[in-house]
Amino acid sequence: MGMDVYGLCPENKDGEYFRASLCVWGSLWMFICQHCDDILSHEEAVSGQYNYTATIGPLEAFLIATRLQTIIDSSWFKQNLESDPEPPSSDNSIQDIGQLEPIVRHFVKFTRSCGGFTIC
């Protein structure tokens, strides 16, 4: 069981589809909401956690991709990647930034070329 994310107007294959398990999606979406709280509305942030068919428009998707890429490229992210003191979570969510990093990179690739997306 997982979350399916479909591009609204994909420019290429990268923007057509993104899938994550529920545990992975929860961690990824929490990371996105923490760092893009000025991009997403409260309703989008809440509905994006669940299979409520949340739709994120093209501009928001572009802004999310840009913000996440900036974070990935930052010294803060690289420093935390090298030494994350956070112990593994017992709820199977990803709390180790090292585990989250490839997923964030994949989501950035998706959001750059999806033309907006629907979470379902």
PDB file of N, CA and C in Angstrom:
ATOM      1  N   MET A   1       0.850  -1.174   0.000  1.00  0.00           N
ATOM      2  CA  MET A   1       0.000   0.000   0.000  1.00  0.00           C
ATOM      3  C   MET A   1       0.894   1.235   0.000  1.00  0.00           C
ATOM      4  N   GLY A   2       0.496   2.231  -0.743  1.00  0.00           N
ATOM      5  CA  GLY A   2       1.312   3.424  -0.822  1.00  0.00           C
ATOM      6  C   GLY A   2       0.550   4.604  -1.370  1.00  0.00           C
ATOM      7  N   MET A   3       1.286   5.655  -1.594  1.00  0.00           N
ATOM      8  CA  MET A   3       0.721   6.879  -2.150  1.00  0.00           C
ATOM      9  C   MET A   3       1.141   6.980  -3.608  1.00  0.00           C
ATOM     10  N   ASP A   4       0.183   7.254  -4.445  1.00  0.00           N
ATOM     11  CA  ASP A   4       0.431   7.452  -5.864  1.00  0.00           C
ATOM     12  C   ASP A   4       0.303   8.935  -6.154  1.00  0.00           C
ATOM     13  N   VAL A   5       1.293   9.473  -6.845  1.00  0.00           N
ATOM     14  CA  VAL A   5       1.308  10.892  -7.177  1.00  0.00           C
ATOM     15  C   VAL A   5       1.435  10.990  -8.694  1.00  0.00           C
ATOM     16  N   TYR A   6       0.454  11.618  -9.325  1.00  0.00           N
ATOM     17  CA  TYR A   6       0.403  11.717 -10.779  1.00  0.00           C
ATOM     18  C   TYR A   6       0.643  13.153 -11.233  1.00  0.00           C
ATOM     19  N   GLY A   7       1.493  13.306 -12.233  1.00  0.00           N
ATOM     20  CA  GLY A   7       1.709  14.616 -12.824  1.00  0.00           C
ATOM     21  C   GLY A   7       0.472  15.070 -13.572  1.00  0.00           C
ATOM     22  N   LEU A   8       0.133  16.347 -13.466  1.00  0.00           N
ATOM     23  CA  LEU A   8      -1.047  16.883 -14.149  1.00  0.00           C
ATOM     24  C   LEU A   8      -0.779  17.155 -15.620  1.00  0.00           C
ATOM     25  N   CYS A   9       0.398  17.653 -15.916  1.00  0.00           N
ATOM     26  CA  CYS A   9       0.765  17.998 -17.288  1.00  0.00           C
ATOM     27  C   CYS A   9       2.265  17.713 -17.460  1.00  0.00           C
ATOM     28  N   PRO A  10       2.626  16.432 -17.424  1.00  0.00           N
ATOM     29  CA  PRO A  10       4.048  16.081 -17.429  1.00  0.00           C
ATOM     30  C   PRO A  10       4.757  16.484 -18.716  1.00  0.00           C
ATOM     31  N   GLU A  11       5.972  16.993 -18.544  1.00  0.00           N
ATOM     32  CA  GLU A  11       6.811  17.379 -19.677  1.00  0.00           C
ATOM     33  C   GLU A  11       7.556  16.182 -20.246  1.00  0.00           C
ATOM     34  N   ASN A  12       7.768  15.163 -19.399  1.00  0.00           N
ATOM     35  CA  ASN A  12       8.481  13.961 -19.817  1.00  0.00           C
ATOM     36  C   ASN A  12       8.135  12.824 -18.856  1.00  0.00           C
ATOM     37  N   LYS A  13       8.781  11.681 -19.029  1.00  0.00           N
ATOM     38  CA  LYS A  13       8.497  10.503 -18.187  1.00  0.00           C
ATOM     39  C   LYS A  13       8.722  10.768 -16.699  1.00  0.00           C
ATOM     40  N   ASP A  14       9.747  11.577 -16.383  1.00  0.00           N
ATOM     41  CA  ASP A  14      10.049  11.878 -14.977  1.00  0.00           C
ATOM     42  C   ASP A  14       8.872  12.522 -14.263  1.00  0.00           C
ATOM     43  N   GLY A  15       8.051  13.265 -14.992  1.00  0.00           N
ATOM     44  CA  GLY A  15       6.943  13.987 -14.386  1.00  0.00           C
ATOM     45  C   GLY A  15       5.611  13.273 -14.437  1.00  0.00           C
ATOM     46  N   GLU A  16       5.597  12.038 -14.904  1.00  0.00           N
ATOM     47  CA  GLU A  16       4.334  11.310 -15.024  1.00  0.00           C
ATOM     48  C   GLU A  16       3.839  10.728 -13.707  1.00  0.00           C
ATOM     49  N   TYR A  17       4.739  10.126 -12.939  1.00  0.00           N
ATOM     50  CA  TYR A  17       4.292   9.338 -11.793  1.00  0.00           C
ATOM     51  C   TYR A  17       5.376   9.254 -10.730  1.00  0.00           C
ATOM     52  N   PHE A  18       4.954   9.335  -9.478  1.00  0.00           N
ATOM     53  CA  PHE A  18       5.838   9.144  -8.329  1.00  0.00           C
ATOM     54  C   PHE A  18       5.074   8.277  -7.346  1.00  0.00           C
ATOM     55  N   ARG A  19       5.735   7.281  -6.800  1.00  0.00           N
ATOM     56  CA  ARG A  19       5.087   6.398  -5.835  1.00  0.00           C
ATOM     57  C   ARG A  19       5.984   6.237  -4.616  1.00  0.00           C
ATOM     58  N   ALA A  20       5.342   6.169  -3.458  1.00  0.00           N
ATOM     59  CA  ALA A  20       6.066   5.939  -2.211  1.00  0.00           C
ATOM     60  C   ALA A  20       5.189   5.127  -1.269  1.00  0.00           C
ATOM     61  N   SER A  21       5.816   4.282  -0.462  1.00  0.00           N
ATOM     62  CA  SER A  21       5.069   3.562   0.571  1.00  0.00           C
ATOM     63  C   SER A  21       4.482   4.584   1.535  1.00  0.00           C
ATOM     64  N   LEU A  22       3.518   4.173   2.309  1.00  0.00           N
ATOM     65  CA  LEU A  22       2.892   5.107   3.251  1.00  0.00           C
ATOM     66  C   LEU A  22       3.909   5.662   4.249  1.00  0.00           C
ATOM     67  N   CYS A  23       4.813   4.813   4.732  1.00  0.00           N
ATOM     68  CA  CYS A  23       5.824   5.273   5.694  1.00  0.00           C
ATOM     69  C   CYS A  23       6.764   6.289   5.052  1.00  0.00           C
ATOM     70  N   VAL A  24       7.207   5.976   3.858  1.00  0.00           N
ATOM     71  CA  VAL A  24       8.123   6.882   3.156  1.00  0.00           C
ATOM     72  C   VAL A  24       7.405   8.179   2.807  1.00  0.00           C
ATOM     73  N   TRP A  25       6.185   8.087   2.299  1.00  0.00           N
ATOM     74  CA  TRP A  25       5.435   9.283   1.934  1.00  0.00           C
ATOM     75  C   TRP A  25       5.226  10.182   3.148  1.00  0.00           C
ATOM     76  N   GLY A  26       4.869   9.598   4.285  1.00  0.00           N
ATOM     77  CA  GLY A  26       4.656  10.399   5.492  1.00  0.00           C
ATOM     78  C   GLY A  26       5.888  11.213   5.861  1.00  0.00           C
ATOM     79  N   SER A  27       7.052  10.580   5.793  1.00  0.00           N
ATOM     80  CA  SER A  27       8.301  11.282   6.105  1.00  0.00           C
ATOM     81  C   SER A  27       8.617  12.343   5.064  1.00  0.00           C
ATOM     82  N   LEU A  28       8.446  11.995   3.797  1.00  0.00           N
ATOM     83  CA  LEU A  28       8.713  12.951   2.718  1.00  0.00           C
ATOM     84  C   LEU A  28       7.762  14.133   2.805  1.00  0.00           C
ATOM     85  N   TRP A  29       6.480  13.874   2.963  1.00  0.00           N
ATOM     86  CA  TRP A  29       5.498  14.960   2.999  1.00  0.00           C
ATOM     87  C   TRP A  29       5.717  15.855   4.213  1.00  0.00           C
ATOM     88  N   MET A  30       6.091  15.260   5.349  1.00  0.00           N
ATOM     89  CA  MET A  30       6.391  16.062   6.536  1.00  0.00           C
ATOM     90  C   MET A  30       7.581  16.987   6.249  1.00  0.00           C
ATOM     91  N   PHE A  31       8.604  16.456   5.608  1.00  0.00           N
ATOM     92  CA  PHE A  31       9.777  17.251   5.247  1.00  0.00           C
ATOM     93  C   PHE A  31       9.364  18.397   4.314  1.00  0.00           C
ATOM     94  N   ILE A  32       8.532  18.080   3.321  1.00  0.00           N
ATOM     95  CA  ILE A  32       8.057  19.102   2.373  1.00  0.00           C
ATOM     96  C   ILE A  32       7.256  20.170   3.115  1.00  0.00           C
ATOM     97  N   CYS A  33       6.340  19.754   3.957  1.00  0.00           N
ATOM     98  CA  CYS A  33       5.501  20.715   4.685  1.00  0.00           C
ATOM     99  C   CYS A  33       6.325  21.599   5.613  1.00  0.00           C
ATOM    100  N   GLN A  34       7.360  21.038   6.239  1.00  0.00           N
ATOM    101  CA  GLN A  34       8.211  21.827   7.126  1.00  0.00           C
ATOM    102  C   GLN A  34       8.990  22.892   6.363  1.00  0.00           C
ATOM    103  N   HIS A  35       9.414  22.560   5.154  1.00  0.00           N
ATOM    104  CA  HIS A  35      10.273  23.467   4.403  1.00  0.00           C
ATOM    105  C   HIS A  35       9.530  24.280   3.333  1.00  0.00           C
ATOM    106  N   CYS A  36       8.279  23.949   3.101  1.00  0.00           N
ATOM    107  CA  CYS A  36       7.503  24.665   2.072  1.00  0.00           C
ATOM    108  C   CYS A  36       6.185  25.173   2.641  1.00  0.00           C
ATOM    109  N   ASP A  37       6.184  25.519   3.921  1.00  0.00           N
ATOM    110  CA  ASP A  37       4.943  25.959   4.549  1.00  0.00           C
ATOM    111  C   ASP A  37       4.437  27.290   4.018  1.00  0.00           C
ATOM    112  N   ASP A  38       5.295  28.030   3.342  1.00  0.00           N
ATOM    113  CA  ASP A  38       4.859  29.282   2.724  1.00  0.00           C
ATOM    114  C   ASP A  38       4.396  29.071   1.281  1.00  0.00           C
ATOM    115  N   ILE A  39       4.540  27.857   0.777  1.00  0.00           N
ATOM    116  CA  ILE A  39       4.111  27.523  -0.593  1.00  0.00           C
ATOM    117  C   ILE A  39       2.773  26.796  -0.563  1.00  0.00           C
ATOM    118  N   LEU A  40       2.634  25.854   0.351  1.00  0.00           N
ATOM    119  CA  LEU A  40       1.413  25.056   0.461  1.00  0.00           C
ATOM    120  C   LEU A  40       0.421  25.717   1.408  1.00  0.00           C
ATOM    121  N   SER A  41      -0.852  25.633   1.069  1.00  0.00           N
ATOM    122  CA  SER A  41      -1.874  26.092   2.003  1.00  0.00           C
ATOM    123  C   SER A  41      -2.011  25.044   3.107  1.00  0.00           C
ATOM    124  N   HIS A  42      -2.647  25.446   4.187  1.00  0.00           N
ATOM    125  CA  HIS A  42      -2.878  24.507   5.294  1.00  0.00           C
ATOM    126  C   HIS A  42      -3.684  23.300   4.798  1.00  0.00           C
ATOM    127  N   GLU A  43      -4.690  23.550   3.984  1.00  0.00           N
ATOM    128  CA  GLU A  43      -5.539  22.482   3.466  1.00  0.00           C
ATOM    129  C   GLU A  43      -4.737  21.514   2.588  1.00  0.00           C
ATOM    130  N   GLU A  44      -3.855  22.045   1.755  1.00  0.00           N
ATOM    131  CA  GLU A  44      -3.017  21.190   0.908  1.00  0.00           C
ATOM    132  C   GLU A  44      -2.072  20.351   1.757  1.00  0.00           C
ATOM    133  N   ALA A  45      -1.484  20.968   2.760  1.00  0.00           N
ATOM    134  CA  ALA A  45      -0.563  20.250   3.643  1.00  0.00           C
ATOM    135  C   ALA A  45      -1.273  19.101   4.353  1.00  0.00           C
ATOM    136  N   VAL A  46      -2.466  19.356   4.858  1.00  0.00           N
ATOM    137  CA  VAL A  46      -3.217  18.325   5.568  1.00  0.00           C
ATOM    138  C   VAL A  46      -3.694  17.239   4.611  1.00  0.00           C
ATOM    139  N   SER A  47      -4.306  17.625   3.506  1.00  0.00           N
ATOM    140  CA  SER A  47      -4.850  16.618   2.580  1.00  0.00           C
ATOM    141  C   SER A  47      -3.756  15.830   1.875  1.00  0.00           C
ATOM    142  N   GLY A  48      -2.562  16.385   1.759  1.00  0.00           N
ATOM    143  CA  GLY A  48      -1.460  15.667   1.127  1.00  0.00           C
ATOM    144  C   GLY A  48      -0.958  14.488   1.931  1.00  0.00           C
ATOM    145  N   GLN A  49      -1.321  14.431   3.202  1.00  0.00           N
ATOM    146  CA  GLN A  49      -0.926  13.316   4.061  1.00  0.00           C
ATOM    147  C   GLN A  49      -1.748  12.061   3.795  1.00  0.00           C
ATOM    148  N   TYR A  50      -2.907  12.238   3.196  1.00  0.00           N
ATOM    149  CA  TYR A  50      -3.872  11.150   3.054  1.00  0.00           C
ATOM    150  C   TYR A  50      -4.250  10.962   1.586  1.00  0.00           C
ATOM    151  N   ASN A  51      -4.954   9.908   1.322  1.00  0.00           N
ATOM    152  CA  ASN A  51      -5.452   9.646  -0.034  1.00  0.00           C
ATOM    153  C   ASN A  51      -6.739  10.426  -0.284  1.00  0.00           C
ATOM    154  N   TYR A  52      -6.676  11.739  -0.146  1.00  0.00           N
ATOM    155  CA  TYR A  52      -7.845  12.598  -0.335  1.00  0.00           C
ATOM    156  C   TYR A  52      -7.830  13.303  -1.684  1.00  0.00           C
ATOM    157  N   THR A  53      -7.010  12.843  -2.592  1.00  0.00           N
ATOM    158  CA  THR A  53      -6.870  13.436  -3.910  1.00  0.00           C
ATOM    159  C   THR A  53      -6.538  14.918  -3.831  1.00  0.00           C
ATOM    160  N   ALA A  54      -5.472  15.236  -3.125  1.00  0.00           N
ATOM    161  CA  ALA A  54      -4.980  16.612  -3.053  1.00  0.00           C
ATOM    162  C   ALA A  54      -4.337  16.968  -4.386  1.00  0.00           C
ATOM    163  N   THR A  55      -4.599  18.165  -4.861  1.00  0.00           N
ATOM    164  CA  THR A  55      -4.007  18.637  -6.112  1.00  0.00           C
ATOM    165  C   THR A  55      -3.135  19.847  -5.823  1.00  0.00           C
ATOM    166  N   ILE A  56      -1.905  19.777  -6.310  1.00  0.00           N
ATOM    167  CA  ILE A  56      -0.934  20.859  -6.167  1.00  0.00           C
ATOM    168  C   ILE A  56      -0.681  21.403  -7.570  1.00  0.00           C
ATOM    169  N   GLY A  57      -0.895  22.687  -7.759  1.00  0.00           N
ATOM    170  CA  GLY A  57      -0.794  23.304  -9.080  1.00  0.00           C
ATOM    171  C   GLY A  57       0.624  23.390  -9.619  1.00  0.00           C
ATOM    172  N   PRO A  58       0.744  23.737 -10.897  1.00  0.00           N
ATOM    173  CA  PRO A  58       2.052  23.801 -11.550  1.00  0.00           C
ATOM    174  C   PRO A  58       3.034  24.779 -10.892  1.00  0.00           C
ATOM    175  N   LEU A  59       2.562  25.960 -10.521  1.00  0.00           N
ATOM    176  CA  LEU A  59       3.451  26.932  -9.891  1.00  0.00           C
ATOM    177  C   LEU A  59       3.949  26.417  -8.541  1.00  0.00           C
ATOM    178  N   GLU A  60       3.036  25.874  -7.743  1.00  0.00           N
ATOM    179  CA  GLU A  60       3.435  25.332  -6.444  1.00  0.00           C
ATOM    180  C   GLU A  60       4.425  24.181  -6.611  1.00  0.00           C
ATOM    181  N   ALA A  61       4.186  23.304  -7.588  1.00  0.00           N
ATOM    182  CA  ALA A  61       5.098  22.180  -7.833  1.00  0.00           C
ATOM    183  C   ALA A  61       6.487  22.695  -8.189  1.00  0.00           C
ATOM    184  N   PHE A  62       6.541  23.705  -9.041  1.00  0.00           N
ATOM    185  CA  PHE A  62       7.826  24.297  -9.425  1.00  0.00           C
ATOM    186  C   PHE A  62       8.522  24.907  -8.213  1.00  0.00           C
ATOM    187  N   LEU A  63       7.767  25.626  -7.387  1.00  0.00           N
ATOM    188  CA  LEU A  63       8.345  26.255  -6.200  1.00  0.00           C
ATOM    189  C   LEU A  63       8.835  25.210  -5.196  1.00  0.00           C
ATOM    190  N   ILE A  64       8.084  24.122  -5.045  1.00  0.00           N
ATOM    191  CA  ILE A  64       8.503  23.035  -4.161  1.00  0.00           C
ATOM    192  C   ILE A  64       9.804  22.425  -4.673  1.00  0.00           C
ATOM    193  N   ALA A  65       9.874  22.142  -5.970  1.00  0.00           N
ATOM    194  CA  ALA A  65      11.095  21.570  -6.562  1.00  0.00           C
ATOM    195  C   ALA A  65      12.287  22.487  -6.342  1.00  0.00           C
ATOM    196  N   THR A  66      12.091  23.770  -6.560  1.00  0.00           N
ATOM    197  CA  THR A  66      13.167  24.745  -6.393  1.00  0.00           C
ATOM    198  C   THR A  66      13.622  24.799  -4.936  1.00  0.00           C
ATOM    199  N   ARG A  67      12.673  24.844  -4.012  1.00  0.00           N
ATOM    200  CA  ARG A  67      13.005  24.910  -2.588  1.00  0.00           C
ATOM    201  C   ARG A  67      13.740  23.648  -2.139  1.00  0.00           C
ATOM    202  N   LEU A  68      13.228  22.487  -2.525  1.00  0.00           N
ATOM    203  CA  LEU A  68      13.870  21.238  -2.115  1.00  0.00           C
ATOM    204  C   LEU A  68      15.271  21.109  -2.701  1.00  0.00           C
ATOM    205  N   GLN A  69      15.450  21.541  -3.945  1.00  0.00           N
ATOM    206  CA  GLN A  69      16.781  21.498  -4.545  1.00  0.00           C
ATOM    207  C   GLN A  69      17.737  22.422  -3.803  1.00  0.00           C
ATOM    208  N   THR A  70      17.265  23.587  -3.411  1.00  0.00           N
ATOM    209  CA  THR A  70      18.082  24.525  -2.631  1.00  0.00           C
ATOM    210  C   THR A  70      18.507  23.891  -1.309  1.00  0.00           C
ATOM    211  N   ILE A  71      17.583  23.187  -0.670  1.00  0.00           N
ATOM    212  CA  ILE A  71      17.892  22.518   0.593  1.00  0.00           C
ATOM    213  C   ILE A  71      18.923  21.415   0.377  1.00  0.00           C
ATOM    214  N   ILE A  72      18.728  20.606  -0.645  1.00  0.00           N
ATOM    215  CA  ILE A  72      19.668  19.518  -0.946  1.00  0.00           C
ATOM    216  C   ILE A  72      21.063  20.061  -1.201  1.00  0.00           C
ATOM    217  N   ASP A  73      21.149  21.194  -1.880  1.00  0.00           N
ATOM    218  CA  ASP A  73      22.442  21.792  -2.219  1.00  0.00           C
ATOM    219  C   ASP A  73      23.076  22.561  -1.062  1.00  0.00           C
ATOM    220  N   SER A  74      22.336  22.771   0.014  1.00  0.00           N
ATOM    221  CA  SER A  74      22.820  23.603   1.113  1.00  0.00           C
ATOM    222  C   SER A  74      23.855  22.884   1.975  1.00  0.00           C
ATOM    223  N   SER A  75      24.671  23.664   2.625  1.00  0.00           N
ATOM    224  CA  SER A  75      25.662  23.096   3.543  1.00  0.00           C
ATOM    225  C   SER A  75      24.966  22.457   4.748  1.00  0.00           C
ATOM    226  N   TRP A  76      23.823  23.005   5.161  1.00  0.00           N
ATOM    227  CA  TRP A  76      23.071  22.423   6.273  1.00  0.00           C
ATOM    228  C   TRP A  76      22.694  20.983   5.964  1.00  0.00           C
ATOM    229  N   PHE A  77      22.167  20.753   4.777  1.00  0.00           N
ATOM    230  CA  PHE A  77      21.731  19.414   4.385  1.00  0.00           C
ATOM    231  C   PHE A  77      22.925  18.471   4.321  1.00  0.00           C
ATOM    232  N   LYS A  78      24.004  18.923   3.691  1.00  0.00           N
ATOM    233  CA  LYS A  78      25.196  18.084   3.565  1.00  0.00           C
ATOM    234  C   LYS A  78      25.793  17.780   4.933  1.00  0.00           C
ATOM    235  N   GLN A  79      25.789  18.750   5.826  1.00  0.00           N
ATOM    236  CA  GLN A  79      26.323  18.547   7.167  1.00  0.00           C
ATOM    237  C   GLN A  79      25.470  17.536   7.928  1.00  0.00           C
ATOM    238  N   ASN A  80      24.155  17.654   7.817  1.00  0.00           N
ATOM    239  CA  ASN A  80      23.263  16.715   8.494  1.00  0.00           C
ATOM    240  C   ASN A  80      23.319  15.334   7.861  1.00  0.00           C
ATOM    241  N   LEU A  81      23.628  15.283   6.590  1.00  0.00           N
ATOM    242  CA  LEU A  81      23.754  14.014   5.893  1.00  0.00           C
ATOM    243  C   LEU A  81      24.953  13.230   6.421  1.00  0.00           C
ATOM    244  N   GLU A  82      26.008  13.958   6.749  1.00  0.00           N
ATOM    245  CA  GLU A  82      27.229  13.323   7.243  1.00  0.00           C
ATOM    246  C   GLU A  82      27.106  12.849   8.687  1.00  0.00           C
ATOM    247  N   SER A  83      26.373  13.579   9.494  1.00  0.00           N
ATOM    248  CA  SER A  83      26.268  13.201  10.914  1.00  0.00           C
ATOM    249  C   SER A  83      24.878  13.489  11.440  1.00  0.00           C
ATOM    250  N   ASP A  84      23.964  12.575  11.211  1.00  0.00           N
ATOM    251  CA  ASP A  84      22.608  12.719  11.720  1.00  0.00           C
ATOM    252  C   ASP A  84      22.497  11.934  13.019  1.00  0.00           C
ATOM    253  N   PRO A  85      22.357  12.628  14.159  1.00  0.00           N
ATOM    254  CA  PRO A  85      22.317  11.937  15.444  1.00  0.00           C
ATOM    255  C   PRO A  85      20.969  11.272  15.741  1.00  0.00           C
ATOM    256  N   GLU A  86      19.999  11.467  14.875  1.00  0.00           N
ATOM    257  CA  GLU A  86      18.657  10.954  15.123  1.00  0.00           C
ATOM    258  C   GLU A  86      18.645   9.427  15.092  1.00  0.00           C
ATOM    259  N   PRO A  87      18.183   8.762  16.161  1.00  0.00           N
ATOM    260  CA  PRO A  87      18.104   7.302  16.145  1.00  0.00           C
ATOM    261  C   PRO A  87      16.964   6.834  15.243  1.00  0.00           C
ATOM    262  N   PRO A  88      17.030   5.603  14.756  1.00  0.00           N
ATOM    263  CA  PRO A  88      15.938   5.089  13.928  1.00  0.00           C
ATOM    264  C   PRO A  88      14.622   5.142  14.693  1.00  0.00           C
ATOM    265  N   SER A  89      13.560   5.423  13.977  1.00  0.00           N
ATOM    266  CA  SER A  89      12.239   5.527  14.575  1.00  0.00           C
ATOM    267  C   SER A  89      11.616   4.145  14.707  1.00  0.00           C
ATOM    268  N   SER A  90      10.812   3.960  15.720  1.00  0.00           N
ATOM    269  CA  SER A  90      10.129   2.678  15.900  1.00  0.00           C
ATOM    270  C   SER A  90       8.843   2.598  15.090  1.00  0.00           C
ATOM    271  N   ASP A  91       8.410   3.701  14.475  1.00  0.00           N
ATOM    272  CA  ASP A  91       7.164   3.684  13.702  1.00  0.00           C
ATOM    273  C   ASP A  91       7.407   3.471  12.206  1.00  0.00           C
ATOM    274  N   ASN A  92       8.610   3.063  11.828  1.00  0.00           N
ATOM    275  CA  ASN A  92       8.994   2.778  10.444  1.00  0.00           C
ATOM    276  C   ASN A  92       9.038   3.999   9.545  1.00  0.00           C
ATOM    277  N   SER A  93       8.861   5.189  10.086  1.00  0.00           N
ATOM    278  CA  SER A  93       9.007   6.385   9.264  1.00  0.00           C
ATOM    279  C   SER A  93      10.490   6.671   9.092  1.00  0.00           C
ATOM    280  N   ILE A  94      10.799   7.423   8.069  1.00  0.00           N
ATOM    281  CA  ILE A  94      12.194   7.768   7.815  1.00  0.00           C
ATOM    282  C   ILE A  94      12.503   9.058   8.546  1.00  0.00           C
ATOM    283  N   GLN A  95      13.361   8.966   9.541  1.00  0.00           N
ATOM    284  CA  GLN A  95      13.765  10.165  10.256  1.00  0.00           C
ATOM    285  C   GLN A  95      15.233  10.469  10.022  1.00  0.00           C
ATOM    286  N   ASP A  96      15.970   9.527   9.502  1.00  0.00           N
ATOM    287  CA  ASP A  96      17.377   9.710   9.185  1.00  0.00           C
ATOM    288  C   ASP A  96      17.460  10.448   7.853  1.00  0.00           C
ATOM    289  N   ILE A  97      18.065  11.621   7.872  1.00  0.00           N
ATOM    290  CA  ILE A  97      18.126  12.435   6.664  1.00  0.00           C
ATOM    291  C   ILE A  97      18.885  11.728   5.543  1.00  0.00           C
ATOM    292  N   GLY A  98      19.806  10.842   5.921  1.00  0.00           N
ATOM    293  CA  GLY A  98      20.530  10.066   4.918  1.00  0.00           C
ATOM    294  C   GLY A  98      19.624   9.130   4.147  1.00  0.00           C
ATOM    295  N   GLN A  99      18.619   8.575   4.816  1.00  0.00           N
ATOM    296  CA  GLN A  99      17.649   7.714   4.137  1.00  0.00           C
ATOM    297  C   GLN A  99      16.671   8.539   3.310  1.00  0.00           C
ATOM    298  N   LEU A 100      16.368   9.730   3.761  1.00  0.00           N
ATOM    299  CA  LEU A 100      15.395  10.578   3.079  1.00  0.00           C
ATOM    300  C   LEU A 100      15.986  11.249   1.832  1.00  0.00           C
ATOM    301  N   GLU A 101      17.281  11.481   1.821  1.00  0.00           N
ATOM    302  CA  GLU A 101      17.934  12.231   0.744  1.00  0.00           C
ATOM    303  C   GLU A 101      17.660  11.698  -0.660  1.00  0.00           C
ATOM    304  N   PRO A 102      17.806  10.394  -0.944  1.00  0.00           N
ATOM    305  CA  PRO A 102      17.528   9.936  -2.311  1.00  0.00           C
ATOM    306  C   PRO A 102      16.054  10.069  -2.698  1.00  0.00           C
ATOM    307  N   ILE A 103      15.182   9.977  -1.720  1.00  0.00           N
ATOM    308  CA  ILE A 103      13.748  10.113  -1.988  1.00  0.00           C
ATOM    309  C   ILE A 103      13.423  11.568  -2.326  1.00  0.00           C
ATOM    310  N   VAL A 104      14.017  12.492  -1.580  1.00  0.00           N
ATOM    311  CA  VAL A 104      13.822  13.919  -1.865  1.00  0.00           C
ATOM    312  C   VAL A 104      14.352  14.236  -3.263  1.00  0.00           C
ATOM    313  N   ARG A 105      15.517  13.714  -3.604  1.00  0.00           N
ATOM    314  CA  ARG A 105      16.082  13.937  -4.947  1.00  0.00           C
ATOM    315  C   ARG A 105      15.154  13.417  -6.038  1.00  0.00           C
ATOM    316  N   HIS A 106      14.590  12.237  -5.818  1.00  0.00           N
ATOM    317  CA  HIS A 106      13.668  11.662  -6.796  1.00  0.00           C
ATOM    318  C   HIS A 106      12.400  12.519  -6.915  1.00  0.00           C
ATOM    319  N   PHE A 107      11.898  13.011  -5.779  1.00  0.00           N
ATOM    320  CA  PHE A 107      10.703  13.852  -5.804  1.00  0.00           C
ATOM    321  C   PHE A 107      10.973  15.180  -6.500  1.00  0.00           C
ATOM    322  N   VAL A 108      12.162  15.737  -6.306  1.00  0.00           N
ATOM    323  CA  VAL A 108      12.539  16.973  -7.005  1.00  0.00           C
ATOM    324  C   VAL A 108      12.509  16.734  -8.512  1.00  0.00           C
ATOM    325  N   LYS A 109      13.063  15.627  -8.945  1.00  0.00           N
ATOM    326  CA  LYS A 109      13.067  15.287 -10.373  1.00  0.00           C
ATOM    327  C   LYS A 109      11.631  15.200 -10.907  1.00  0.00           C
ATOM    328  N   PHE A 110      10.759  14.586 -10.120  1.00  0.00           N
ATOM    329  CA  PHE A 110       9.345  14.483 -10.496  1.00  0.00           C
ATOM    330  C   PHE A 110       8.691  15.863 -10.552  1.00  0.00           C
ATOM    331  N   THR A 111       8.840  16.655  -9.479  1.00  0.00           N
ATOM    332  CA  THR A 111       8.131  17.930  -9.413  1.00  0.00           C
ATOM    333  C   THR A 111       8.635  18.950 -10.428  1.00  0.00           C
ATOM    334  N   ARG A 112       9.873  18.811 -10.869  1.00  0.00           N
ATOM    335  CA  ARG A 112      10.398  19.722 -11.898  1.00  0.00           C
ATOM    336  C   ARG A 112       9.667  19.576 -13.224  1.00  0.00           C
ATOM    337  N   SER A 113       9.171  18.399 -13.502  1.00  0.00           N
ATOM    338  CA  SER A 113       8.606  18.171 -14.834  1.00  0.00           C
ATOM    339  C   SER A 113       7.183  17.635 -14.832  1.00  0.00           C
ATOM    340  N   CYS A 114       6.482  17.746 -13.686  1.00  0.00           N
ATOM    341  CA  CYS A 114       5.126  17.173 -13.615  1.00  0.00           C
ATOM    342  C   CYS A 114       4.018  18.138 -14.029  1.00  0.00           C
ATOM    343  N   GLY A 115       4.268  19.434 -14.008  1.00  0.00           N
ATOM    344  CA  GLY A 115       3.220  20.398 -14.345  1.00  0.00           C
ATOM    345  C   GLY A 115       2.103  20.426 -13.321  1.00  0.00           C
ATOM    346  N   GLY A 116       2.447  20.257 -12.061  1.00  0.00           N
ATOM    347  CA  GLY A 116       1.449  20.113 -10.994  1.00  0.00           C
ATOM    348  C   GLY A 116       1.213  18.644 -10.756  1.00  0.00           C
ATOM    349  N   PHE A 117       0.628  18.314  -9.592  1.00  0.00           N
ATOM    350  CA  PHE A 117       0.415  16.892  -9.312  1.00  0.00           C
ATOM    351  C   PHE A 117      -0.799  16.650  -8.436  1.00  0.00           C
ATOM    352  N   THR A 118      -1.285  15.423  -8.530  1.00  0.00           N
ATOM    353  CA  THR A 118      -2.402  14.965  -7.697  1.00  0.00           C
ATOM    354  C   THR A 118      -1.911  13.818  -6.846  1.00  0.00           C
ATOM    355  N   ILE A 119      -2.189  13.889  -5.558  1.00  0.00           N
ATOM    356  CA  ILE A 119      -1.819  12.839  -4.611  1.00  0.00           C
ATOM    357  C   ILE A 119      -3.060  11.994  -4.352  1.00  0.00           C
ATOM    358  N   CYS A 120      -2.959  10.723  -4.624  1.00  0.00           N
ATOM    359  CA  CYS A 120      -4.122   9.851  -4.376  1.00  0.00           C
ATOM    360  C   CYS A 120      -3.685   8.444  -4.010  1.00  0.00           C
TER     361      CYS A 120
END
